[in-house]
Protein backbone atom coordinates (compact mmCIF):
# COMPACT_ATOMS: atom_id res chain seq x y z
CA MET A 1 -39.92 24.30 -0.14
CA HIS A 2 -42.80 24.15 -2.70
CA PRO A 3 -42.43 26.79 -5.32
CA GLU A 4 -46.29 27.37 -4.34
CA ASN A 5 -44.66 28.20 -0.58
CA ARG A 6 -42.43 30.80 -1.96
CA PRO A 7 -43.25 34.01 -1.36
CA PRO A 8 -44.60 35.88 -4.42
CA THR A 9 -41.50 37.92 -5.68
CA ASP A 10 -39.31 34.74 -5.26
CA MET A 11 -38.81 33.86 -8.90
CA GLN A 12 -36.19 32.86 -10.88
CA LEU A 13 -35.54 34.64 -13.86
CA THR A 14 -35.12 32.18 -16.93
CA PRO A 15 -36.04 32.94 -20.83
CA VAL A 16 -37.47 29.64 -20.36
CA SER A 17 -40.49 31.75 -19.38
CA PHE A 18 -40.95 33.24 -22.32
CA LEU A 19 -42.19 30.08 -24.31
CA HIS A 20 -44.68 29.36 -21.96
CA ARG A 21 -46.44 32.98 -21.82
CA SER A 22 -46.30 32.68 -25.66
CA ALA A 23 -47.56 28.92 -25.81
CA MET A 24 -50.19 30.20 -23.60
CA LEU A 25 -51.42 33.27 -24.87
CA PHE A 26 -51.12 32.70 -28.74
CA PRO A 27 -50.88 28.79 -28.88
CA ASP A 28 -52.04 28.34 -32.45
CA ARG A 29 -49.57 31.21 -33.77
CA VAL A 30 -46.71 30.37 -35.67
CA ALA A 31 -43.26 30.04 -34.06
CA VAL A 32 -41.09 28.78 -36.15
CA VAL A 33 -40.56 28.31 -39.57
CA ASP A 34 -37.44 26.15 -40.86
CA GLY A 35 -38.22 25.35 -44.71
CA ASP A 36 -41.46 23.59 -45.28
CA VAL A 37 -41.87 22.89 -41.50
CA ARG A 38 -44.19 25.41 -39.77
CA ILE A 39 -44.39 24.97 -35.97
CA THR A 40 -47.17 26.46 -33.30
CA TYR A 41 -45.74 27.72 -30.08
CA LYS A 42 -48.05 25.25 -28.11
CA GLU A 43 -46.16 22.45 -30.85
CA TRP A 44 -43.30 24.76 -29.81
CA LEU A 45 -43.19 23.53 -26.33
CA GLY A 46 -44.15 20.42 -26.50
CA ARG A 47 -41.63 19.22 -28.23
CA ALA A 48 -38.82 21.37 -26.16
CA ARG A 49 -40.34 19.22 -23.43
CA ARG A 50 -39.97 15.94 -24.96
CA PHE A 51 -36.80 17.57 -25.87
CA ALA A 52 -35.45 17.17 -21.97
CA GLY A 53 -36.98 13.85 -21.96
CA LEU A 54 -35.01 12.71 -25.12
CA LEU A 55 -31.77 14.21 -23.33
CA ALA A 56 -32.97 12.02 -19.96
CA SER A 57 -33.13 9.39 -21.82
CA LEU A 58 -29.57 9.84 -23.22
CA GLY A 59 -28.60 10.11 -19.51
CA VAL A 60 -28.15 13.75 -19.49
CA GLU A 61 -28.32 14.77 -15.53
CA PRO A 62 -28.54 18.27 -14.66
CA GLY A 63 -25.12 20.28 -14.54
CA ASP A 64 -24.29 17.79 -17.60
CA ARG A 65 -23.26 19.95 -21.21
CA VAL A 66 -24.91 19.34 -24.32
CA ALA A 67 -23.37 20.16 -27.49
CA VAL A 68 -25.33 20.98 -30.49
CA LEU A 69 -23.94 21.44 -33.90
CA ALA A 70 -26.11 22.85 -36.58
CA PRO A 71 -26.88 25.47 -38.72
CA ASN A 72 -29.39 27.98 -37.98
CA SER A 73 -32.86 25.13 -37.74
CA ARG A 74 -35.58 24.26 -35.42
CA MET A 75 -33.28 21.45 -33.72
CA MET A 76 -31.03 24.18 -32.58
CA LEU A 77 -33.90 26.56 -31.60
CA ASP A 78 -35.11 23.31 -29.72
CA ALA A 79 -32.10 23.25 -27.49
CA HIS A 80 -32.59 26.57 -26.24
CA TYR A 81 -34.98 25.42 -24.43
CA GLY A 82 -35.43 21.92 -24.12
CA ALA A 83 -31.78 22.04 -22.69
CA THR A 84 -32.45 23.59 -19.97
CA MET A 85 -35.72 21.89 -19.27
CA ALA A 86 -33.31 19.15 -18.62
CA GLY A 87 -31.12 21.28 -16.15
CA ALA A 88 -28.78 21.18 -18.68
CA VAL A 89 -26.02 23.25 -19.95
CA LEU A 90 -26.27 24.17 -23.70
CA VAL A 91 -22.86 24.56 -25.89
CA SER A 92 -23.55 26.03 -29.43
CA LEU A 93 -20.93 24.98 -31.20
CA ASN A 94 -19.46 27.07 -33.86
CA THR A 95 -20.03 25.27 -37.59
CA ARG A 96 -17.08 26.84 -39.46
CA LEU A 97 -14.44 25.18 -37.00
CA THR A 98 -12.18 22.28 -37.64
CA ALA A 99 -12.89 19.11 -36.31
CA PRO A 100 -10.01 19.43 -33.95
CA GLU A 101 -11.22 22.78 -32.76
CA LEU A 102 -14.47 21.00 -31.63
CA GLN A 103 -13.06 18.36 -30.20
CA TYR A 104 -11.17 20.84 -28.30
CA ILE A 105 -14.52 22.57 -27.15
CA VAL A 106 -16.58 19.60 -26.57
CA ASP A 107 -13.39 17.63 -24.08
CA HIS A 108 -13.18 21.04 -22.50
CA SER A 109 -16.25 21.57 -21.82
CA GLY A 110 -17.27 18.11 -20.41
CA SER A 111 -20.68 17.40 -23.22
CA THR A 112 -21.76 13.92 -22.61
CA VAL A 113 -24.27 14.47 -25.95
CA LEU A 114 -24.12 15.93 -29.43
CA LEU A 115 -26.30 16.41 -31.52
CA TYR A 116 -25.79 17.09 -34.97
CA ASP A 117 -27.68 18.04 -38.26
CA GLU A 118 -26.89 15.98 -41.29
CA SER A 119 -25.38 18.29 -43.22
CA LEU A 120 -22.34 18.56 -40.99
CA ARG A 121 -21.86 14.72 -40.72
CA GLY A 122 -18.55 15.02 -42.42
CA VAL A 123 -16.74 17.05 -39.44
CA ALA A 124 -19.65 15.87 -36.68
CA GLU A 125 -18.19 12.08 -37.49
CA GLN A 126 -14.72 12.99 -36.33
CA VAL A 127 -15.74 14.26 -32.93
CA ASN A 128 -15.59 11.87 -30.57
CA VAL A 129 -18.40 12.08 -27.14
CA PRO A 130 -19.93 9.68 -25.48
CA ALA A 131 -23.86 9.95 -27.15
CA LYS A 132 -24.34 11.46 -30.68
CA LEU A 133 -27.24 11.99 -32.81
CA ASP A 134 -27.70 13.23 -36.03
CA SER A 135 -30.79 15.55 -36.88
CA ALA A 136 -32.64 12.21 -38.30
CA GLN A 137 -32.54 10.33 -35.73
CA TYR A 138 -33.25 13.55 -33.67
CA GLU A 139 -36.42 14.39 -35.02
CA ALA A 140 -37.59 10.41 -34.98
CA GLN A 141 -36.71 9.87 -31.50
CA LEU A 142 -38.70 13.08 -30.38
CA GLU A 143 -41.64 11.64 -31.65
CA ARG A 144 -41.49 9.09 -29.11
CA ALA A 145 -39.79 11.23 -26.23
CA ASP A 146 -41.23 11.30 -23.02
CA GLU A 147 -42.26 15.37 -21.78
CA LEU A 148 -39.78 16.88 -19.07
CA GLU A 149 -39.37 20.10 -17.57
CA LEU A 150 -37.07 20.58 -14.25
CA ALA A 151 -37.74 24.05 -12.45
CA VAL A 152 -34.41 26.19 -12.46
CA SER A 153 -33.58 27.30 -8.97
CA ASP A 154 -30.90 29.62 -8.73
CA GLU A 155 -30.85 32.20 -11.71
CA TYR A 156 -27.57 32.67 -11.38
CA SER A 157 -26.55 29.49 -12.36
CA MET A 158 -25.66 28.04 -16.11
CA ILE A 159 -27.93 28.01 -18.92
CA ALA A 160 -25.08 27.70 -21.58
CA LEU A 161 -21.38 27.66 -22.45
CA ASN A 162 -20.25 29.90 -25.32
CA TYR A 163 -16.85 29.59 -26.32
CA THR A 164 -15.11 32.16 -28.18
CA SER A 165 -12.90 32.60 -31.40
CA GLY A 166 -9.38 31.72 -29.65
CA THR A 167 -8.15 35.33 -29.75
CA THR A 168 -5.54 34.51 -27.28
CA GLY A 169 -4.33 30.65 -28.83
CA ARG A 170 -7.27 28.58 -27.30
CA PRO A 171 -10.83 29.36 -27.16
CA LYS A 172 -12.41 30.29 -23.46
CA GLY A 173 -15.22 29.17 -22.46
CA VAL A 174 -17.88 31.77 -20.96
CA MET A 175 -20.36 31.08 -18.51
CA TYR A 176 -23.59 31.83 -19.32
CA HIS A 177 -26.71 32.67 -16.55
CA HIS A 178 -29.86 32.51 -16.49
CA ARG A 179 -30.41 35.91 -15.30
CA GLY A 180 -28.16 37.71 -17.29
CA ALA A 181 -30.09 35.57 -20.50
CA TYR A 182 -33.45 36.58 -19.72
CA LEU A 183 -32.25 40.33 -19.06
CA GLN A 184 -30.54 40.91 -22.60
CA ALA A 185 -33.60 38.94 -24.02
CA MET A 186 -35.60 41.46 -23.18
CA ALA A 187 -33.38 44.52 -23.48
CA MET A 188 -32.87 43.26 -27.53
CA ALA A 189 -36.72 42.93 -27.70
CA PHE A 190 -37.12 46.54 -26.19
CA HIS A 191 -34.22 48.03 -28.36
CA ASN A 192 -35.13 46.13 -31.47
CA LYS A 193 -38.93 46.50 -31.30
CA LEU A 194 -40.13 43.55 -31.01
CA ASP A 195 -43.95 42.02 -30.76
CA THR A 196 -46.14 39.61 -31.90
CA GLU A 197 -45.81 41.04 -35.80
CA THR A 198 -42.79 40.63 -35.80
CA ALA A 199 -40.75 37.90 -38.39
CA TYR A 200 -37.60 37.27 -37.40
CA LEU A 201 -34.76 35.97 -40.52
CA TRP A 202 -31.94 34.30 -38.89
CA ILE A 203 -29.38 35.71 -40.37
CA LEU A 204 -27.09 35.76 -37.33
CA PRO A 205 -25.36 32.42 -36.39
CA MET A 206 -27.67 30.54 -33.39
CA PHE A 207 -23.96 29.46 -32.24
CA HIS A 208 -22.86 33.40 -31.98
CA CYS A 209 -23.95 34.11 -28.59
CA ASN A 210 -27.09 32.86 -28.55
CA GLY A 211 -27.88 34.60 -31.49
CA TRP A 212 -27.35 37.93 -29.09
CA THR A 213 -30.16 36.15 -27.05
CA PHE A 214 -32.67 36.80 -30.25
CA THR A 215 -33.67 33.02 -29.75
CA TRP A 216 -35.47 33.95 -26.54
CA ALA A 217 -36.00 37.45 -27.23
CA VAL A 218 -38.03 36.64 -30.44
CA THR A 219 -39.90 33.97 -28.23
CA ALA A 220 -40.39 36.52 -25.48
CA ALA A 221 -42.11 39.37 -28.01
CA GLY A 222 -44.42 36.29 -29.06
CA GLY A 223 -42.96 36.64 -33.02
CA THR A 224 -41.94 34.03 -35.38
CA HIS A 225 -38.24 32.69 -36.41
CA VAL A 226 -37.47 32.49 -39.67
CA CYS A 227 -34.86 30.01 -40.06
CA VAL A 228 -31.78 30.66 -42.88
CA ARG A 229 -30.00 27.66 -43.40
CA LYS A 230 -27.37 28.86 -45.90
CA ILE A 231 -26.59 32.43 -46.04
CA ASP A 232 -27.44 33.15 -49.70
CA ALA A 233 -28.44 36.61 -50.90
CA GLY A 234 -30.57 35.78 -53.52
CA SER A 235 -32.62 32.95 -51.05
CA ILE A 236 -32.48 35.66 -48.04
CA TRP A 237 -34.33 38.13 -50.95
CA GLU A 238 -36.95 35.67 -51.33
CA LEU A 239 -37.43 34.76 -47.33
CA ILE A 240 -37.48 39.09 -47.01
CA ASP A 241 -40.68 38.73 -49.28
CA SER A 242 -42.32 35.41 -48.50
CA GLU A 243 -42.13 36.09 -44.92
CA SER A 244 -42.88 39.23 -44.77
CA ILE A 245 -39.98 39.76 -42.72
CA THR A 246 -39.70 42.74 -40.19
CA HIS A 247 -36.57 42.11 -38.47
CA PHE A 248 -32.82 40.78 -38.40
CA ASN A 249 -29.18 41.46 -37.81
CA ALA A 250 -26.38 40.32 -39.73
CA ALA A 251 -22.25 40.80 -40.32
CA PRO A 252 -21.71 43.69 -43.07
CA THR A 253 -20.48 41.57 -45.38
CA VAL A 254 -23.48 40.30 -45.95
CA LEU A 255 -25.38 43.58 -46.03
CA ILE A 256 -23.33 44.05 -48.61
CA ASP A 257 -24.11 41.37 -50.62
CA LEU A 258 -28.16 42.30 -50.24
CA ALA A 259 -27.71 45.70 -51.52
CA ALA A 260 -25.40 44.35 -54.03
CA HIS A 261 -28.01 41.30 -55.51
CA GLY A 262 -29.87 41.32 -58.19
CA SER A 263 -32.94 40.22 -56.36
CA ALA A 264 -32.77 43.83 -54.38
CA HIS A 265 -35.59 46.17 -54.53
CA GLN A 266 -37.16 49.13 -52.70
CA LEU A 267 -39.73 46.99 -49.72
CA ASP A 268 -43.33 48.17 -48.90
CA ARG A 269 -42.12 48.45 -44.79
CA ARG A 270 -39.02 49.44 -42.84
CA VAL A 271 -37.17 46.14 -41.36
CA GLN A 272 -35.07 46.90 -39.06
CA ILE A 273 -31.19 46.11 -38.74
CA GLY A 274 -28.74 45.30 -36.35
CA THR A 275 -24.56 44.84 -37.07
CA GLY A 276 -21.87 44.83 -35.24
CA GLY A 277 -18.03 44.73 -36.31
CA ALA A 278 -17.41 47.40 -38.82
CA PRO A 279 -20.15 50.22 -39.34
CA PRO A 280 -21.46 50.39 -42.49
CA SER A 281 -20.36 53.00 -44.87
CA PRO A 282 -21.67 56.33 -45.96
CA THR A 283 -22.34 54.41 -49.59
CA MET A 284 -24.20 51.31 -48.16
CA LEU A 285 -26.15 53.09 -45.20
CA GLU A 286 -27.40 55.36 -48.18
CA ARG A 287 -28.50 52.29 -50.62
CA LEU A 288 -29.85 50.26 -47.85
CA GLY A 289 -32.01 53.15 -46.53
CA HIS A 290 -33.36 53.03 -50.02
CA LEU A 291 -34.11 49.80 -50.03
CA GLY A 292 -36.14 50.02 -47.00
CA PHE A 293 -33.81 48.97 -43.83
CA ASP A 294 -32.90 50.93 -41.21
CA VAL A 295 -29.84 50.07 -39.41
CA THR A 296 -28.67 50.24 -35.91
CA HIS A 297 -24.56 49.41 -34.45
CA LEU A 298 -24.30 47.29 -31.67
CA TYR A 299 -21.33 46.31 -29.88
CA GLY A 300 -20.63 44.09 -27.77
CA LEU A 301 -18.45 40.26 -27.21
CA THR A 302 -18.89 36.67 -26.05
CA GLU A 303 -18.36 37.85 -22.86
CA THR A 304 -21.61 40.20 -22.17
CA PHE A 305 -24.43 38.07 -24.23
CA GLY A 306 -23.68 39.62 -27.81
CA PRO A 307 -24.48 43.33 -27.77
CA SER A 308 -24.39 45.18 -24.41
CA THR A 309 -23.93 48.54 -26.20
CA LEU A 310 -26.25 50.06 -29.23
CA CYS A 311 -25.88 53.53 -31.07
CA GLU A 312 -29.17 55.07 -30.94
CA PHE A 313 -29.93 56.84 -33.35
CA PRO A 314 -31.04 60.73 -32.65
CA THR A 315 -33.85 62.06 -34.42
CA GLU A 316 -32.95 65.50 -35.09
CA LEU A 317 -29.70 64.00 -37.05
CA LYS A 318 -32.83 62.13 -39.07
CA SER A 319 -32.45 64.93 -41.23
CA ALA A 320 -28.67 65.38 -41.32
CA PRO A 321 -26.71 64.34 -44.60
CA ILE A 322 -25.75 61.13 -44.98
CA ASP A 323 -22.23 61.39 -44.66
CA ASP A 324 -23.13 63.16 -40.87
CA GLN A 325 -25.27 60.69 -39.83
CA ALA A 326 -22.79 57.55 -40.97
CA ARG A 327 -20.24 59.58 -38.91
CA PHE A 328 -22.48 59.20 -35.97
CA LYS A 329 -23.61 55.59 -36.78
CA ALA A 330 -20.00 54.50 -36.25
CA ARG A 331 -19.61 55.01 -32.74
CA GLN A 332 -21.11 51.93 -30.47
CA GLY A 333 -23.12 53.96 -28.00
CA ASN A 334 -23.76 53.76 -24.30
CA ALA A 335 -25.17 50.77 -22.59
CA ASN A 336 -28.45 49.18 -23.61
CA VAL A 337 -31.22 49.83 -21.06
CA VAL A 338 -31.11 46.76 -19.00
CA GLY A 339 -26.74 47.61 -18.73
CA PHE A 340 -24.71 49.62 -16.30
CA PRO A 341 -23.02 53.15 -18.29
CA VAL A 342 -19.81 51.68 -20.13
CA ARG A 343 -16.24 53.22 -18.74
CA ILE A 344 -13.26 54.01 -21.11
CA LEU A 345 -10.33 53.73 -18.50
CA ASP A 346 -6.64 54.57 -18.75
CA LYS A 347 -3.69 52.89 -17.78
CA ASP A 348 -4.03 53.40 -13.67
CA GLY A 349 -7.90 52.51 -14.01
CA ASN A 350 -9.22 55.96 -13.90
CA ASP A 351 -11.91 57.72 -16.28
CA VAL A 352 -10.61 59.17 -19.31
CA PRO A 353 -12.05 62.56 -20.14
CA ALA A 354 -15.00 62.46 -22.28
CA ASP A 355 -13.61 64.64 -25.33
CA GLY A 356 -13.51 61.68 -27.83
CA GLU A 357 -10.06 62.02 -28.34
CA THR A 358 -8.66 60.80 -25.25
CA MET A 359 -8.01 56.61 -26.02
CA GLY A 360 -8.45 53.76 -23.26
CA GLU A 361 -9.87 50.90 -22.34
CA VAL A 362 -13.23 50.14 -22.42
CA ALA A 363 -15.01 48.76 -19.60
CA LEU A 364 -18.20 47.11 -18.56
CA ARG A 365 -20.30 45.61 -15.71
CA GLY A 366 -23.79 44.89 -15.40
CA ASN A 367 -26.31 41.75 -14.61
CA THR A 368 -25.34 40.83 -18.96
CA VAL A 369 -21.81 40.15 -18.04
CA ALA A 370 -20.61 36.81 -17.88
CA LEU A 371 -19.57 34.72 -14.77
CA GLY A 372 -16.07 34.19 -16.03
CA TYR A 373 -14.70 31.44 -17.92
CA TYR A 374 -15.53 27.93 -17.68
CA ASN A 375 -12.03 25.91 -15.50
CA ASP A 376 -9.70 28.95 -16.10
CA PRO A 377 -10.18 31.01 -12.93
CA GLU A 378 -6.58 33.43 -13.95
CA SER A 379 -8.06 34.30 -17.18
CA THR A 380 -11.12 35.39 -15.21
CA ALA A 381 -9.59 37.16 -12.73
CA THR A 382 -7.20 39.28 -15.34
CA SER A 383 -10.50 40.34 -17.36
CA PHE A 384 -13.58 40.02 -14.45
CA GLY A 385 -11.24 40.04 -10.93
CA SER A 386 -11.62 44.45 -10.79
CA GLY A 387 -15.41 44.58 -10.67
CA TRP A 388 -15.56 45.56 -14.56
CA PHE A 389 -15.41 43.17 -17.21
CA LEU A 390 -12.08 44.40 -19.36
CA THR A 391 -13.15 43.83 -22.83
CA GLY A 392 -9.24 44.36 -24.37
CA ASP A 393 -10.89 47.23 -26.70
CA LEU A 394 -9.94 50.57 -27.26
CA GLY A 395 -11.90 53.41 -27.91
CA VAL A 396 -13.32 57.18 -27.11
CA MET A 397 -15.85 58.74 -25.04
CA HIS A 398 -17.58 61.61 -26.38
CA PRO A 399 -19.24 64.32 -24.86
CA ASP A 400 -22.45 63.45 -25.31
CA GLN A 401 -21.33 59.92 -23.11
CA TYR A 402 -21.39 57.80 -26.66
CA ILE A 403 -18.10 55.80 -26.66
CA GLU A 404 -16.46 54.93 -30.55
CA LEU A 405 -13.83 51.83 -31.24
CA ARG A 406 -10.45 53.20 -32.27
CA ASP A 407 -8.89 50.07 -31.77
CA ARG A 408 -8.84 46.56 -31.22
CA SER A 409 -7.04 44.62 -29.39
CA LYS A 410 -4.65 44.31 -31.78
CA ASP A 411 -3.75 40.62 -31.86
CA VAL A 412 -7.47 40.01 -33.06
CA ILE A 413 -8.96 40.39 -36.47
CA ILE A 414 -12.35 40.49 -37.54
CA SER A 415 -13.36 38.68 -40.70
CA GLY A 416 -17.13 38.74 -42.07
CA GLY A 417 -18.41 38.54 -38.28
CA GLU A 418 -15.59 36.48 -37.19
CA ASN A 419 -12.71 36.38 -34.80
CA ILE A 420 -9.61 35.02 -35.95
CA ALA A 421 -6.33 34.92 -33.48
CA SER A 422 -2.99 36.02 -35.17
CA ILE A 423 -0.80 34.08 -32.75
CA GLU A 424 -3.25 30.73 -33.79
CA ILE A 425 -2.42 31.16 -37.54
CA GLU A 426 1.00 32.17 -36.31
CA GLN A 427 1.58 28.46 -34.57
CA VAL A 428 0.57 26.84 -37.40
CA LEU A 429 2.91 28.52 -39.68
CA ALA A 430 5.45 27.68 -37.89
CA ARG A 431 5.19 23.86 -37.83
CA HIS A 432 6.35 24.53 -41.74
CA PRO A 433 10.03 23.48 -41.74
CA GLU A 434 10.89 26.34 -43.72
CA VAL A 435 9.51 28.80 -41.54
CA LEU A 436 12.01 31.04 -39.28
CA GLU A 437 9.32 33.25 -38.02
CA SER A 438 6.07 35.11 -38.47
CA ALA A 439 3.75 37.79 -37.72
CA VAL A 440 -0.18 37.94 -39.28
CA VAL A 441 -1.83 41.43 -39.25
CA ALA A 442 -5.15 42.07 -40.62
CA GLU A 443 -5.07 43.77 -43.89
CA PRO A 444 -8.57 46.13 -44.72
CA HIS A 445 -10.92 43.90 -47.47
CA GLU A 446 -13.68 45.63 -49.30
CA ARG A 447 -15.72 42.31 -48.80
CA TRP A 448 -14.91 40.73 -45.48
CA GLY A 449 -13.86 44.08 -43.61
CA GLU A 450 -10.52 42.62 -42.56
CA VAL A 451 -8.31 39.60 -43.79
CA PRO A 452 -5.31 37.53 -42.31
CA VAL A 453 -2.06 38.30 -44.10
CA ALA A 454 1.12 36.35 -42.77
CA TYR A 455 4.65 38.40 -42.84
CA VAL A 456 7.11 35.48 -42.98
CA SER A 457 10.66 34.81 -42.45
CA LEU A 458 12.67 31.65 -43.63
CA VAL A 459 15.03 29.57 -42.80
CA ASP A 460 18.06 30.30 -44.92
CA ASP A 461 18.09 29.02 -48.49
CA ALA A 462 14.59 27.92 -48.15
CA GLU A 463 12.53 28.14 -51.37
CA VAL A 464 8.96 28.12 -50.64
CA THR A 465 5.98 30.48 -52.57
CA ALA A 466 3.54 32.36 -51.11
CA GLU A 467 0.46 29.86 -53.15
CA GLU A 468 2.37 27.22 -51.32
CA MET A 469 2.44 28.88 -47.90
CA ILE A 470 -0.87 29.53 -47.90
CA ALA A 471 -2.33 25.90 -49.19
CA PHE A 472 -0.06 24.65 -46.23
CA ALA A 473 -2.28 26.90 -43.52
CA ARG A 474 -5.72 25.56 -44.94
CA GLU A 475 -4.62 21.97 -43.87
CA SER A 476 -5.09 23.06 -40.26
CA LEU A 477 -7.49 25.81 -40.59
CA PRO A 478 -10.93 26.36 -41.81
CA GLY A 479 -10.62 28.64 -44.65
CA PHE A 480 -11.48 31.81 -43.32
CA LYS A 481 -8.85 31.69 -40.91
CA ALA A 482 -5.91 31.25 -43.15
CA PRO A 483 -3.96 33.69 -44.32
CA LYS A 484 -5.27 35.50 -48.09
CA LYS A 485 -1.62 37.16 -48.46
CA VAL A 486 2.06 35.70 -47.16
CA ILE A 487 4.89 38.08 -47.51
CA PHE A 488 8.63 36.64 -46.97
CA GLY A 489 11.39 39.31 -46.23
CA PRO A 490 12.93 39.86 -42.48
CA LEU A 491 10.52 41.35 -39.62
CA PRO A 492 10.80 44.12 -37.91
CA LYS A 493 11.47 44.13 -34.58
CA THR A 494 12.90 46.09 -31.46
CA GLY A 495 15.97 46.30 -29.59
CA THR A 496 14.78 43.56 -27.00
CA GLY A 497 13.57 41.11 -30.18
CA LYS A 498 9.82 41.67 -29.82
CA ILE A 499 8.38 42.35 -34.07
CA GLN A 500 6.66 45.65 -34.25
CA LYS A 501 3.50 44.69 -35.51
CA TYR A 502 2.37 47.67 -35.75
CA LEU A 503 4.71 48.41 -38.54
CA LEU A 504 3.37 45.80 -40.53
CA ARG A 505 0.01 46.79 -40.30
CA ASN A 506 1.07 50.18 -41.46
CA ARG A 507 1.89 47.71 -44.51
CA SER A 508 -1.02 46.73 -44.62
């Protein structure tokens, strides 16, 4: 059926429509700032269409996967619209991964094209993929490409394939659908009060859940995307001033650096910040507040398009002591405006009492839950099969229906906003000929929130130093995953021989 002959209610939801609207209403407004390059909405729509045409010239067909390895940049933003216009599925790659990790994702996703930034040439050249372009080649060929745009016929079809950080060993491919991306972007625009005056600073990596869908949300509002290719507190302060930044999202470690930097100063406006992971401390909240930053604590996962809940701060508490405010802001809140109320379930699948004390597993559902794990029906059934997405995170429900996390899946370490699987580190350490067994747990860290610490039992008569063991791990792991400390000795075990990690956590 021709689109114009469909009923007027039969419109497929897709975030690509946001770019069309902003290009029509605000054609000459600056949409993207990337260094010295400034791109208007009218120009950006043309780039996205030529991106689609370029992919078609490389043999990309509807349903194919297109991988992008790049810092926050105009190429990565182009991909969030152009890949969809080609009918392809976007695979945004974590720039901190090693070549073997990237190769696994490219192979598992079936990506046929890799676009990469020149700054990442060293690792990108080690990844095998049928077609490959660096950012310079991309810009040159984009100029000559024909425009193309294919209509989205099913809003539940895949728009992106985002990979977890491998919290159970191998990373899983999380299937995002157009409907969820559209609605989550609308929720982020609503809760963060994005509008045509928004200047959004791209500190949060776009490869994290498509930038928590702000790659689409800022466009929906007709705001300006300001790219940050490398995280440097001094440069960020310069952009906050020169580009009149109004919003950004960042890990707690970045906020610590910004508050402590020599360029820190009080702003003449309030800047809205979203953060996740460890909640800001009372001291940090006070410091950021004096500078002009308003912080909102968010919670979500790759499987939920990023922030599924947020801690909306009651007006009644704004005059409360900073410690009281911090205790409240440590909560993860409840569902965003397009979500479904969060549940905390006991081991039998029943709701725990809303007493702020009884712990259970956080369970989520709604339009912004992913379709499941790509080519992994067993894990999909386990996590999504009950009608609720079971997060593996433990929390409590307060009487006011705000949830608060009390623990995480035990083997996940969150360091500087990155998820690290302890089992992955343990598998690397097990390759060392002098290692009998190991257990990796999180240790609190002032800057990174948590860092991995390895407890290692060696074979008899082995002579290995902690420094040598860390160096060995770094040969196979990126720096942020390698253990920061190695402690030798026997490991505590149960009567059945299982390592008691909770005892090791208590030591850390």
